[in-house]
């Protein structure tokens, strides 16, 4: 019995199963008059169709495996992704709170340092004012003594 290349899986396992009908022994595709036949409802579909246009069943064994696999793992993967997302969200919220606490602590330290710097500046200004008053007093005393000496001479 001659075998042909299957248009679905490209294997040389397509055998004639009747007039104008073929069956692939590799991917189990049924081809009649150049169309894929749905094993569930018998509807003829184009060769490039992955699912039956009528019942939406996968047309080849590869499509069935992929369909079953994706259905069974999709919800598991989705649940896993959601759990990871919730975990990441909680971790990020915690990290965000920690960063905010750090920023607030830095802000408190900055304000404390600013107050301390203002107090130091105030004290420095007071001392400078005292020195200026003392210096001015000494200067005025010298001027007064000098003018007194000049008037006495």
Foldseek 3Di string as FASTA:
>chain_A
DAFPQDPQPRDRQWDDPDVQWIAGPPFGFIGHVQFTAAPVPRDTHHPPDQADPPPRHGRTNVSNVVVVVCVVCVVVVVVVVVVVVVVVVVVVVVVVVVVVVVVVVVVVVVVVVVVVVVVVVVVVVVVVVVVVVVVVVVVVVVVVVVVVVVVVD
